[in-house]
N, C-alpha and C. Protein backbone atom coordinates (compact mmCIF):
# COMPACT_ATOMS: atom_id res chain seq x y z
N MET A 1 -66.81 -85.62 -68.92
CA MET A 1 -67.53 -86.10 -67.68
C MET A 1 -69.03 -86.13 -68.06
N PRO A 2 -69.60 -87.43 -67.72
CA PRO A 2 -70.97 -88.14 -68.33
C PRO A 2 -72.02 -86.98 -67.39
N ARG A 3 -73.16 -86.78 -68.12
CA ARG A 3 -74.02 -86.08 -67.66
C ARG A 3 -74.98 -87.14 -67.33
N THR A 4 -75.89 -87.20 -66.32
CA THR A 4 -76.72 -88.01 -66.11
C THR A 4 -78.41 -87.53 -66.62
N THR A 5 -78.78 -88.11 -67.65
CA THR A 5 -79.87 -87.45 -68.09
C THR A 5 -80.86 -88.66 -68.42
N GLY A 6 -82.28 -88.07 -68.56
CA GLY A 6 -83.31 -88.94 -69.16
C GLY A 6 -83.72 -90.24 -68.12
N PRO A 7 -83.96 -91.25 -68.57
CA PRO A 7 -84.21 -92.34 -67.73
C PRO A 7 -83.23 -92.62 -66.61
N ALA A 8 -81.86 -92.31 -67.06
CA ALA A 8 -80.79 -92.60 -65.92
C ALA A 8 -81.01 -91.56 -64.72
N LEU A 9 -81.41 -90.43 -65.11
CA LEU A 9 -81.93 -89.31 -64.21
C LEU A 9 -82.99 -89.69 -63.35
N THR A 10 -84.03 -90.22 -64.12
CA THR A 10 -85.35 -90.85 -63.30
C THR A 10 -84.86 -91.95 -62.25
N GLN A 11 -84.04 -92.66 -62.52
CA GLN A 11 -83.72 -93.75 -61.64
C GLN A 11 -82.82 -93.32 -60.69
N VAL A 12 -82.04 -92.38 -60.84
CA VAL A 12 -81.25 -91.72 -59.61
C VAL A 12 -82.26 -91.08 -58.70
N LEU A 13 -83.23 -90.23 -59.21
CA LEU A 13 -83.92 -89.38 -58.42
C LEU A 13 -84.90 -90.41 -57.60
N ALA A 14 -85.24 -91.51 -58.29
CA ALA A 14 -86.16 -92.47 -57.58
C ALA A 14 -85.18 -93.12 -56.45
N THR A 15 -83.93 -93.53 -56.80
CA THR A 15 -83.13 -94.06 -55.62
C THR A 15 -83.23 -92.91 -54.29
N LEU A 16 -82.87 -91.74 -54.75
CA LEU A 16 -82.86 -90.72 -53.81
C LEU A 16 -84.04 -90.58 -52.95
N ALA A 17 -85.23 -90.69 -53.52
CA ALA A 17 -86.48 -90.37 -53.13
C ALA A 17 -87.11 -91.41 -51.87
N GLY A 18 -86.10 -92.75 -52.28
CA GLY A 18 -86.44 -94.07 -51.53
C GLY A 18 -85.92 -93.81 -50.08
N SER A 19 -84.58 -92.94 -49.79
CA SER A 19 -84.23 -92.85 -48.60
C SER A 19 -83.22 -91.63 -48.87
N PRO A 20 -83.80 -90.42 -48.83
CA PRO A 20 -83.05 -89.39 -48.80
C PRO A 20 -82.30 -88.87 -47.80
N ASP A 21 -82.28 -89.57 -46.53
CA ASP A 21 -81.34 -89.29 -45.46
C ASP A 21 -80.12 -90.03 -45.62
N ARG A 22 -79.81 -90.85 -46.72
CA ARG A 22 -78.73 -91.64 -46.91
C ARG A 22 -77.89 -91.18 -48.18
N HIS A 23 -78.42 -89.90 -48.85
CA HIS A 23 -77.70 -89.53 -50.07
C HIS A 23 -77.82 -88.26 -49.77
N THR A 24 -76.52 -87.63 -50.40
CA THR A 24 -76.21 -86.01 -50.33
C THR A 24 -76.24 -85.46 -51.81
N PRO A 25 -77.02 -84.54 -52.25
CA PRO A 25 -76.62 -84.07 -53.57
C PRO A 25 -75.76 -82.62 -52.93
N MET A 26 -74.69 -82.41 -53.67
CA MET A 26 -73.74 -81.31 -53.59
C MET A 26 -73.75 -80.63 -54.72
N VAL A 27 -73.59 -79.27 -54.81
CA VAL A 27 -73.34 -78.33 -55.76
C VAL A 27 -72.02 -77.65 -55.42
N PHE A 28 -70.94 -77.41 -56.53
CA PHE A 28 -69.81 -76.97 -56.22
C PHE A 28 -69.57 -75.62 -57.25
N ASP A 29 -69.06 -74.64 -56.78
CA ASP A 29 -69.12 -73.29 -57.81
C ASP A 29 -67.61 -72.61 -57.62
N ILE A 30 -66.65 -72.89 -58.32
CA ILE A 30 -65.32 -72.48 -58.38
C ILE A 30 -65.56 -70.67 -58.40
N ASP A 31 -64.90 -70.18 -56.99
CA ASP A 31 -65.12 -68.84 -56.83
C ASP A 31 -64.28 -67.94 -57.82
N GLU A 32 -64.41 -66.77 -58.31
CA GLU A 32 -63.67 -65.71 -58.93
C GLU A 32 -63.20 -66.39 -60.28
N PHE A 33 -64.08 -67.29 -60.85
CA PHE A 33 -63.57 -68.05 -62.12
C PHE A 33 -63.58 -66.84 -63.29
N ASN A 34 -64.53 -65.94 -63.28
CA ASN A 34 -64.20 -65.20 -64.49
C ASN A 34 -62.99 -64.25 -64.29
N ILE A 35 -62.55 -63.80 -63.16
CA ILE A 35 -61.52 -63.12 -62.87
C ILE A 35 -60.24 -63.98 -63.49
N ILE A 36 -60.04 -65.28 -62.95
CA ILE A 36 -59.20 -66.14 -63.47
C ILE A 36 -58.99 -66.15 -65.02
N ASN A 37 -60.26 -66.30 -65.75
CA ASN A 37 -60.31 -66.24 -67.20
C ASN A 37 -59.72 -65.02 -67.82
N THR A 38 -60.01 -63.88 -67.11
CA THR A 38 -59.98 -62.62 -67.50
C THR A 38 -58.23 -62.17 -67.41
N THR A 39 -57.73 -62.55 -66.25
CA THR A 39 -56.49 -62.10 -65.80
C THR A 39 -55.36 -63.07 -66.52
N TYR A 40 -55.90 -64.43 -66.49
CA TYR A 40 -54.59 -65.35 -66.76
C TYR A 40 -55.00 -66.04 -68.18
N GLY A 41 -56.40 -65.75 -68.77
CA GLY A 41 -56.68 -66.56 -69.81
C GLY A 41 -57.31 -67.82 -69.76
N THR A 42 -58.49 -68.19 -70.86
CA THR A 42 -59.13 -69.04 -70.69
C THR A 42 -58.29 -70.48 -70.75
N HIS A 43 -57.09 -70.45 -71.21
CA HIS A 43 -56.41 -71.96 -71.26
C HIS A 43 -56.16 -71.97 -69.54
N THR A 44 -55.99 -71.11 -68.73
CA THR A 44 -55.39 -71.17 -67.39
C THR A 44 -56.98 -71.83 -66.79
N GLY A 45 -58.07 -71.16 -67.03
CA GLY A 45 -59.28 -71.51 -66.74
C GLY A 45 -59.78 -72.79 -66.97
N ASP A 46 -59.54 -73.21 -68.25
CA ASP A 46 -59.86 -74.50 -68.55
C ASP A 46 -59.03 -75.76 -67.88
N GLU A 47 -57.74 -75.29 -67.48
CA GLU A 47 -56.80 -76.26 -66.94
C GLU A 47 -57.30 -76.55 -65.52
N LEU A 48 -57.93 -75.30 -64.84
CA LEU A 48 -58.35 -75.33 -63.37
C LEU A 48 -59.54 -76.17 -63.31
N LEU A 49 -60.46 -75.96 -64.39
CA LEU A 49 -61.96 -76.61 -64.47
C LEU A 49 -61.48 -78.10 -64.62
N ARG A 50 -60.52 -78.45 -65.54
CA ARG A 50 -60.07 -80.23 -65.58
C ARG A 50 -59.61 -80.44 -64.48
N TYR A 51 -58.99 -79.91 -63.71
CA TYR A 51 -58.13 -80.27 -62.38
C TYR A 51 -59.21 -80.51 -61.38
N PHE A 52 -60.32 -79.47 -61.01
CA PHE A 52 -61.11 -79.72 -60.39
C PHE A 52 -62.22 -81.00 -60.60
N ALA A 53 -62.54 -80.92 -61.95
CA ALA A 53 -63.36 -82.18 -62.16
C ALA A 53 -62.43 -83.50 -62.07
N HIS A 54 -61.29 -83.72 -62.37
CA HIS A 54 -60.24 -84.72 -62.07
C HIS A 54 -60.25 -84.94 -60.35
N LEU A 55 -60.11 -83.89 -59.53
CA LEU A 55 -60.05 -84.09 -58.17
C LEU A 55 -61.44 -84.52 -57.69
N LEU A 56 -62.56 -84.03 -58.16
CA LEU A 56 -63.90 -84.27 -57.95
C LEU A 56 -64.16 -86.07 -58.04
N GLN A 57 -63.80 -86.35 -59.32
CA GLN A 57 -63.84 -87.86 -59.57
C GLN A 57 -63.08 -88.70 -58.75
N GLY A 58 -61.62 -88.33 -58.48
CA GLY A 58 -60.86 -89.03 -57.62
C GLY A 58 -61.52 -89.30 -56.10
N HIS A 59 -61.95 -88.31 -55.77
CA HIS A 59 -62.63 -88.16 -54.26
C HIS A 59 -63.89 -89.18 -54.25
N SER A 60 -64.54 -88.96 -55.41
CA SER A 60 -65.83 -89.63 -55.48
C SER A 60 -65.55 -91.38 -55.49
N ASN A 61 -64.60 -91.50 -56.42
CA ASN A 61 -64.19 -93.08 -56.34
C ASN A 61 -63.73 -93.76 -55.21
N ARG A 62 -63.24 -92.77 -53.93
CA ARG A 62 -62.74 -93.39 -52.87
C ARG A 62 -64.17 -93.55 -52.02
N HIS A 63 -65.26 -93.08 -52.45
CA HIS A 63 -66.58 -93.30 -51.52
C HIS A 63 -66.91 -94.61 -51.86
N ASN A 64 -67.56 -95.24 -50.98
CA ASN A 64 -67.99 -96.77 -51.20
C ASN A 64 -69.23 -96.60 -51.83
N GLY A 65 -70.22 -95.75 -51.86
CA GLY A 65 -71.36 -95.58 -52.72
C GLY A 65 -71.26 -95.29 -54.06
N GLU A 66 -72.21 -95.28 -54.82
CA GLU A 66 -72.14 -94.79 -56.01
C GLU A 66 -72.42 -93.13 -56.14
N CYS A 67 -71.71 -92.59 -57.06
CA CYS A 67 -71.68 -91.20 -57.13
C CYS A 67 -72.27 -90.90 -58.49
N HIS A 68 -72.88 -89.84 -58.66
CA HIS A 68 -73.04 -89.20 -60.04
C HIS A 68 -72.62 -87.74 -60.07
N ILE A 69 -71.64 -87.25 -61.04
CA ILE A 69 -71.12 -86.07 -61.35
C ILE A 69 -71.90 -85.38 -62.51
N ALA A 70 -71.97 -84.21 -62.46
CA ALA A 70 -72.36 -83.48 -63.62
C ALA A 70 -71.63 -82.15 -63.40
N ARG A 71 -71.35 -81.62 -64.74
CA ARG A 71 -71.06 -80.22 -64.95
C ARG A 71 -72.24 -79.37 -65.08
N LEU A 72 -72.70 -78.59 -64.47
CA LEU A 72 -73.75 -77.57 -64.60
C LEU A 72 -73.74 -76.59 -65.44
N GLY A 73 -72.46 -75.94 -65.46
CA GLY A 73 -72.39 -74.73 -66.11
C GLY A 73 -70.93 -74.60 -66.24
N GLY A 74 -70.46 -73.27 -66.80
CA GLY A 74 -68.94 -72.73 -66.81
C GLY A 74 -68.31 -73.54 -65.69
N ASN A 75 -68.41 -73.10 -64.45
CA ASN A 75 -67.89 -73.34 -63.39
C ASN A 75 -68.50 -73.83 -62.32
N GLU A 76 -69.43 -74.65 -62.40
CA GLU A 76 -70.43 -75.14 -61.49
C GLU A 76 -70.49 -76.66 -61.98
N PHE A 77 -70.39 -77.43 -60.58
CA PHE A 77 -70.44 -79.03 -60.81
C PHE A 77 -71.37 -79.45 -59.78
N ALA A 78 -72.01 -80.49 -59.86
CA ALA A 78 -72.99 -81.10 -59.14
C ALA A 78 -72.66 -82.53 -58.85
N LEU A 79 -72.77 -83.21 -57.80
CA LEU A 79 -72.61 -84.59 -57.17
C LEU A 79 -73.62 -85.03 -56.18
N LEU A 80 -74.13 -86.11 -56.81
CA LEU A 80 -75.12 -86.88 -56.12
C LEU A 80 -74.47 -88.13 -55.41
N ALA A 81 -73.97 -88.02 -54.12
CA ALA A 81 -73.46 -89.31 -53.62
C ALA A 81 -74.49 -90.17 -52.85
N ASN A 82 -74.65 -91.50 -53.35
CA ASN A 82 -75.50 -92.23 -52.87
C ASN A 82 -74.86 -93.04 -51.25
N ASN A 83 -75.85 -93.00 -50.65
CA ASN A 83 -75.35 -93.84 -49.21
C ASN A 83 -74.01 -92.88 -48.67
N MET A 84 -74.19 -91.63 -48.69
CA MET A 84 -73.39 -90.58 -47.99
C MET A 84 -74.22 -89.56 -47.15
N PRO A 85 -74.13 -89.99 -46.04
CA PRO A 85 -74.91 -89.19 -44.96
C PRO A 85 -74.34 -87.91 -45.01
N VAL A 86 -75.03 -86.82 -44.58
CA VAL A 86 -74.41 -85.34 -44.51
C VAL A 86 -73.13 -85.27 -43.76
N GLU A 87 -73.02 -85.89 -42.58
CA GLU A 87 -71.69 -85.93 -41.87
C GLU A 87 -70.41 -86.41 -42.82
N GLU A 88 -70.68 -87.47 -43.37
CA GLU A 88 -69.57 -87.76 -44.17
C GLU A 88 -69.37 -86.86 -45.21
N ALA A 89 -70.49 -86.18 -45.82
CA ALA A 89 -70.30 -85.11 -46.98
C ALA A 89 -69.40 -84.02 -46.77
N LEU A 90 -69.66 -83.82 -45.28
CA LEU A 90 -69.14 -82.40 -44.86
C LEU A 90 -67.63 -82.88 -44.59
N ASP A 91 -67.18 -83.94 -44.24
CA ASP A 91 -65.71 -84.53 -44.13
C ASP A 91 -65.26 -84.69 -45.76
N PHE A 92 -66.10 -84.97 -46.58
CA PHE A 92 -65.68 -85.30 -48.15
C PHE A 92 -65.32 -84.03 -48.56
N THR A 93 -66.23 -82.90 -48.42
CA THR A 93 -66.01 -81.50 -48.97
C THR A 93 -64.84 -80.90 -48.33
N GLU A 94 -64.55 -81.08 -47.10
CA GLU A 94 -63.38 -80.37 -46.56
C GLU A 94 -62.08 -80.98 -46.94
N ARG A 95 -62.06 -82.38 -47.26
CA ARG A 95 -60.84 -83.09 -47.69
C ARG A 95 -60.55 -82.64 -49.08
N LEU A 96 -61.75 -82.51 -50.01
CA LEU A 96 -61.64 -81.84 -51.52
C LEU A 96 -61.23 -80.47 -51.30
N ARG A 97 -61.68 -79.64 -50.50
CA ARG A 97 -61.20 -78.22 -50.42
C ARG A 97 -59.84 -78.15 -50.28
N THR A 98 -59.39 -78.89 -48.91
CA THR A 98 -57.82 -78.78 -48.81
C THR A 98 -57.02 -79.06 -50.00
N GLU A 99 -57.51 -80.18 -50.48
CA GLU A 99 -56.51 -80.62 -51.58
C GLU A 99 -56.84 -79.71 -52.94
N PHE A 100 -58.02 -78.99 -53.13
CA PHE A 100 -58.04 -78.03 -54.20
C PHE A 100 -57.18 -76.88 -53.87
N ARG A 101 -57.24 -76.53 -52.70
CA ARG A 101 -56.22 -75.22 -52.45
C ARG A 101 -55.06 -75.26 -52.69
N LYS A 102 -54.34 -76.42 -51.91
CA LYS A 102 -53.17 -76.82 -51.90
C LYS A 102 -52.51 -76.84 -53.45
N LYS A 103 -53.10 -77.57 -54.33
CA LYS A 103 -52.84 -78.07 -55.62
C LYS A 103 -52.98 -76.77 -56.51
N SER A 104 -53.98 -75.87 -56.31
CA SER A 104 -54.40 -74.94 -57.40
C SER A 104 -53.36 -73.81 -56.86
N GLU A 105 -52.56 -73.95 -55.80
CA GLU A 105 -51.39 -72.89 -55.57
C GLU A 105 -50.22 -73.07 -56.34
N THR A 106 -50.10 -74.31 -56.74
CA THR A 106 -48.86 -74.88 -57.49
C THR A 106 -49.11 -74.52 -59.04
N LEU A 107 -50.37 -74.22 -59.43
CA LEU A 107 -50.58 -73.64 -60.82
C LEU A 107 -49.91 -72.29 -60.85
N ALA A 108 -48.78 -72.21 -61.64
CA ALA A 108 -47.86 -71.19 -61.71
C ALA A 108 -48.39 -69.83 -62.06
N LEU A 109 -49.50 -69.76 -62.61
CA LEU A 109 -49.92 -68.51 -63.02
C LEU A 109 -51.08 -67.86 -61.90
N LEU A 110 -51.39 -68.92 -60.91
CA LEU A 110 -52.34 -68.33 -59.89
C LEU A 110 -51.80 -67.83 -58.69
N LYS A 111 -50.74 -67.40 -58.63
CA LYS A 111 -50.04 -66.98 -57.19
C LYS A 111 -50.65 -65.77 -56.38
N GLU A 112 -51.32 -65.16 -57.35
CA GLU A 112 -51.92 -63.89 -56.77
C GLU A 112 -53.45 -63.99 -56.44
N ILE A 113 -53.79 -64.81 -56.94
CA ILE A 113 -55.57 -65.05 -56.42
C ILE A 113 -55.53 -66.47 -55.50
N GLN A 114 -56.21 -66.38 -54.31
CA GLN A 114 -56.54 -67.41 -53.83
C GLN A 114 -57.85 -68.35 -54.40
N VAL A 115 -57.67 -69.51 -54.79
CA VAL A 115 -58.46 -70.05 -55.54
C VAL A 115 -59.24 -70.96 -54.60
N ASP A 116 -60.63 -70.89 -54.55
CA ASP A 116 -61.68 -71.63 -53.77
C ASP A 116 -62.84 -72.05 -54.51
N TYR A 117 -63.78 -72.65 -53.93
CA TYR A 117 -65.21 -72.78 -54.38
C TYR A 117 -65.90 -72.69 -53.19
N GLY A 118 -67.24 -72.37 -53.75
CA GLY A 118 -68.32 -72.48 -52.85
C GLY A 118 -68.86 -73.86 -52.84
N GLN A 119 -69.78 -74.24 -51.90
CA GLN A 119 -70.44 -75.41 -51.95
C GLN A 119 -71.78 -75.41 -51.32
N GLY A 120 -72.77 -76.30 -51.62
CA GLY A 120 -73.91 -76.25 -51.13
C GLY A 120 -74.35 -77.75 -50.97
N PHE A 121 -75.47 -78.17 -49.88
CA PHE A 121 -75.84 -79.32 -49.86
C PHE A 121 -77.32 -79.13 -49.71
N CYS A 122 -78.13 -80.11 -49.92
CA CYS A 122 -79.58 -80.28 -49.87
C CYS A 122 -79.91 -81.47 -48.95
N ILE A 123 -80.60 -80.97 -48.02
CA ILE A 123 -81.12 -82.10 -46.97
C ILE A 123 -82.68 -81.97 -47.38
N ALA A 124 -83.07 -83.41 -48.03
CA ALA A 124 -84.46 -83.16 -48.30
C ALA A 124 -85.35 -84.22 -47.46
N LYS A 125 -86.81 -83.75 -47.19
CA LYS A 125 -87.55 -84.86 -46.67
C LYS A 125 -88.26 -85.56 -47.85
N PRO A 126 -88.60 -86.77 -47.43
CA PRO A 126 -89.18 -87.76 -48.44
C PRO A 126 -90.53 -87.01 -49.02
N ARG A 127 -90.46 -87.27 -50.43
CA ARG A 127 -91.70 -86.76 -51.19
C ARG A 127 -91.69 -87.89 -52.45
N ARG A 128 -92.87 -87.53 -52.98
CA ARG A 128 -93.11 -88.50 -54.20
C ARG A 128 -92.20 -88.01 -55.12
N LEU A 129 -91.68 -88.89 -56.07
CA LEU A 129 -91.02 -88.74 -57.26
C LEU A 129 -91.61 -88.07 -58.15
N ASP A 130 -93.01 -88.06 -58.64
CA ASP A 130 -93.73 -87.48 -59.51
C ASP A 130 -94.00 -86.10 -59.01
N SER A 131 -93.73 -85.60 -57.78
CA SER A 131 -93.96 -84.07 -57.46
C SER A 131 -92.73 -83.36 -57.95
N LEU A 132 -91.79 -83.88 -58.51
CA LEU A 132 -90.35 -83.29 -58.92
C LEU A 132 -90.38 -82.85 -60.12
N HIS A 133 -91.45 -83.49 -61.02
CA HIS A 133 -91.52 -82.98 -62.47
C HIS A 133 -92.35 -81.71 -62.64
């Protein structure tokens, strides 16, 4: 999964600063990930991460605007969706959550743990890009 860094990140932030009400940054954190790794092994945890990344990419591809996806850490992902107001983002994350829960239940080893994720949104007021550095 590509990371947006350097000049590309500056360009993304400039786009966001131009009209922050039309873009939604989101962060996703898979719940109980350490328990999944400990109980079922890192192979299962890795499979779950790949599945979530694939699902996030697939849902992002259905959005009309440009999306920037990054893996922040072990079980954390970020998405900046251009031209996606918060109301649309709420629908986006609900569809993502529904599919993630349904599909993760079919992973044979994860029958005893309900797999879910936490999510966060950022609603920003316009401010100068250079104040972000």
